[in-house]
C-alpha atoms as a PDB file:
ATOM      1  CA  MET A   1       1.694 -16.975  17.431  1.00  0.00           C
ATOM      2  CA  PRO A   2       2.867 -14.985  20.919  1.00  0.00           C
ATOM      3  CA  PRO A   3       0.745 -12.383  21.661  1.00  0.00           C
ATOM      4  CA  ALA A   4       3.493  -9.919  21.796  1.00  0.00           C
ATOM      5  CA  PHE A   5       4.416 -10.753  18.048  1.00  0.00           C
ATOM      6  CA  ARG A   6       0.986 -10.363  17.017  1.00  0.00           C
ATOM      7  CA  TRP A   7       0.571  -6.824  16.694  1.00  0.00           C
ATOM      8  CA  ALA A   8       4.169  -6.011  15.490  1.00  0.00           C
ATOM      9  CA  PRO A   9       4.218  -5.031  12.000  1.00  0.00           C
ATOM     10  CA  VAL A  10       6.352  -6.431   9.419  1.00  0.00           C
ATOM     11  CA  LEU A  11       8.605  -3.924   8.389  1.00  0.00           C
ATOM     12  CA  ALA A  12      10.326  -3.403   4.571  1.00  0.00           C
ATOM     13  CA  ASP A  13      12.121  -0.867   2.439  1.00  0.00           C
ATOM     14  CA  ALA A  14      11.015  -0.190  -0.941  1.00  0.00           C
ATOM     15  CA  GLY A  15      12.810  -3.371  -2.389  1.00  0.00           C
ATOM     16  CA  TYR A  16      10.182  -5.512  -0.567  1.00  0.00           C
ATOM     17  CA  GLY A  17       7.563  -2.897  -0.823  1.00  0.00           C
ATOM     18  CA  ASN A  18       7.525  -2.946  -4.530  1.00  0.00           C
ATOM     19  CA  SER A  19       6.380  -6.501  -4.772  1.00  0.00           C
ATOM     20  CA  SER A  20       3.126  -7.004  -5.177  1.00  0.00           C
ATOM     21  CA  GLU A  21       3.725 -10.378  -4.510  1.00  0.00           C
ATOM     22  CA  PHE A  22       5.699 -10.033  -1.260  1.00  0.00           C
ATOM     23  CA  ARG A  23       2.974  -7.538   0.093  1.00  0.00           C
ATOM     24  CA  ALA A  24       0.273  -9.978  -0.928  1.00  0.00           C
ATOM     25  CA  GLY A  25       2.197 -12.884   0.929  1.00  0.00           C
ATOM     26  CA  VAL A  26       2.237 -10.816   4.265  1.00  0.00           C
ATOM     27  CA  THR A  27      -1.520  -9.993   3.943  1.00  0.00           C
ATOM     28  CA  ALA A  28      -1.981 -13.684   3.154  1.00  0.00           C
ATOM     29  CA  LEU A  29      -0.662 -14.476   6.564  1.00  0.00           C
ATOM     30  CA  GLY A  30      -2.574 -12.318   8.117  1.00  0.00           C
ATOM     31  CA  LEU A  31       0.475  -9.751   9.389  1.00  0.00           C
ATOM     32  CA  ARG A  32       0.122  -5.942   9.236  1.00  0.00           C
ATOM     33  CA  TYR A  33       2.695  -4.132   7.547  1.00  0.00           C
ATOM     34  CA  VAL A  34       4.465  -1.294   7.103  1.00  0.00           C
ATOM     35  CA  MET A  35       6.952  -1.011   3.560  1.00  0.00           C
ATOM     36  CA  GLY A  36       8.475   1.930   1.886  1.00  0.00           C
ATOM     37  CA  VAL A  37       7.547   2.148  -2.190  1.00  0.00           C
ATOM     38  CA  GLN A  38       9.080   4.180  -4.540  1.00  0.00           C
ATOM     39  CA  SER A  39       7.486   7.456  -5.220  1.00  0.00           C
ATOM     40  CA  ASN A  40       6.393   6.554  -8.533  1.00  0.00           C
ATOM     41  CA  MET A  41       4.208   3.327  -7.659  1.00  0.00           C
ATOM     42  CA  LEU A  42       0.602   3.764  -8.729  1.00  0.00           C
ATOM     43  CA  LEU A  43      -1.780   3.072  -6.022  1.00  0.00           C
ATOM     44  CA  TRP A  44      -5.320   2.934  -6.067  1.00  0.00           C
ATOM     45  CA  ASN A  45      -7.686   5.955  -4.623  1.00  0.00           C
ATOM     46  CA  ALA A  46      -9.431   4.667  -1.500  1.00  0.00           C
ATOM     47  CA  ASP A  47     -13.077   4.712  -3.399  1.00  0.00           C
ATOM     48  CA  ALA A  48     -12.051   2.880  -6.438  1.00  0.00           C
ATOM     49  CA  VAL A  49     -13.814   0.234  -7.642  1.00  0.00           C
ATOM     50  CA  LEU A  50     -11.351  -2.855  -8.326  1.00  0.00           C
ATOM     51  CA  PRO A  51     -11.754  -5.294 -10.888  1.00  0.00           C
ATOM     52  CA  LYS A  52     -13.016  -8.593 -10.286  1.00  0.00           C
ATOM     53  CA  ARG A  53     -10.429 -10.456 -12.616  1.00  0.00           C
ATOM     54  CA  ALA A  54      -6.892  -9.383 -12.770  1.00  0.00           C
ATOM     55  CA  GLY A  55      -5.586  -7.945 -15.722  1.00  0.00           C
ATOM     56  CA  THR A  56      -9.106  -6.191 -16.789  1.00  0.00           C
ATOM     57  CA  VAL A  57      -8.112  -2.702 -15.785  1.00  0.00           C
ATOM     58  CA  THR A  58      -9.931   0.138 -17.952  1.00  0.00           C
ATOM     59  CA  PRO A  59      -8.970   3.468 -18.964  1.00  0.00           C
ATOM     60  CA  ARG A  60     -11.569   4.685 -16.724  1.00  0.00           C
ATOM     61  CA  LEU A  61     -10.204   2.509 -13.920  1.00  0.00           C
ATOM     62  CA  ARG A  62      -6.739   3.688 -14.545  1.00  0.00           C
ATOM     63  CA  ALA A  63      -7.649   7.074 -13.849  1.00  0.00           C
ATOM     64  CA  ALA A  64      -8.474   6.236 -10.312  1.00  0.00           C
ATOM     65  CA  GLN A  65      -5.080   5.467  -9.720  1.00  0.00           C
ATOM     66  CA  VAL A  66      -2.451   8.027  -8.301  1.00  0.00           C
ATOM     67  CA  SER A  67       1.255   8.101  -7.714  1.00  0.00           C
ATOM     68  CA  ALA A  68       2.492   7.668  -4.018  1.00  0.00           C
ATOM     69  CA  ARG A  69       4.056  10.779  -4.355  1.00  0.00           C
ATOM     70  CA  GLU A  70       1.015  12.640  -5.451  1.00  0.00           C
ATOM     71  CA  LEU A  71      -0.862  11.110  -2.645  1.00  0.00           C
ATOM     72  CA  ALA A  72       1.547  11.728  -0.145  1.00  0.00           C
ATOM     73  CA  LEU A  73       1.610  15.608  -1.354  1.00  0.00           C
ATOM     74  CA  SER A  74      -2.292  15.716  -1.230  1.00  0.00           C
ATOM     75  CA  GLN A  75      -2.562  15.215   2.515  1.00  0.00           C
ATOM     76  CA  PRO A  76      -3.038  17.946   4.810  1.00  0.00           C
ATOM     77  CA  THR A  77      -0.605  18.729   7.372  1.00  0.00           C
ATOM     78  CA  GLU A  78      -2.496  17.339  10.189  1.00  0.00           C
ATOM     79  CA  ALA A  79      -2.605  13.882   8.607  1.00  0.00           C
ATOM     80  CA  TRP A  80       0.930  13.626   9.204  1.00  0.00           C
ATOM     81  CA  GLN A  81       2.562  12.450  12.406  1.00  0.00           C
ATOM     82  CA  ASN A  82       5.949  11.581  13.987  1.00  0.00           C
ATOM     83  CA  VAL A  83       6.331   7.974  14.927  1.00  0.00           C
ATOM     84  CA  THR A  84       9.154   6.745  17.165  1.00  0.00           C
END
């Protein structure tokens, strides 16, 4: 891959960003990405210990999830920056 493209992220709207399969595919290619997601999408807290097998989410583990909206609103003002 040419050096100019190595650091350019994949950009996508929520139509693609909400697809875990699409995000996993981009990650498997070793690419960075910035994607929109719907505000009700559930995300894992950074300190969550994820299950080793897919489909084994317990109620305790589910409590480690937060909506994208909740996560965004919980960030302090200094966490935000304009990017052009």
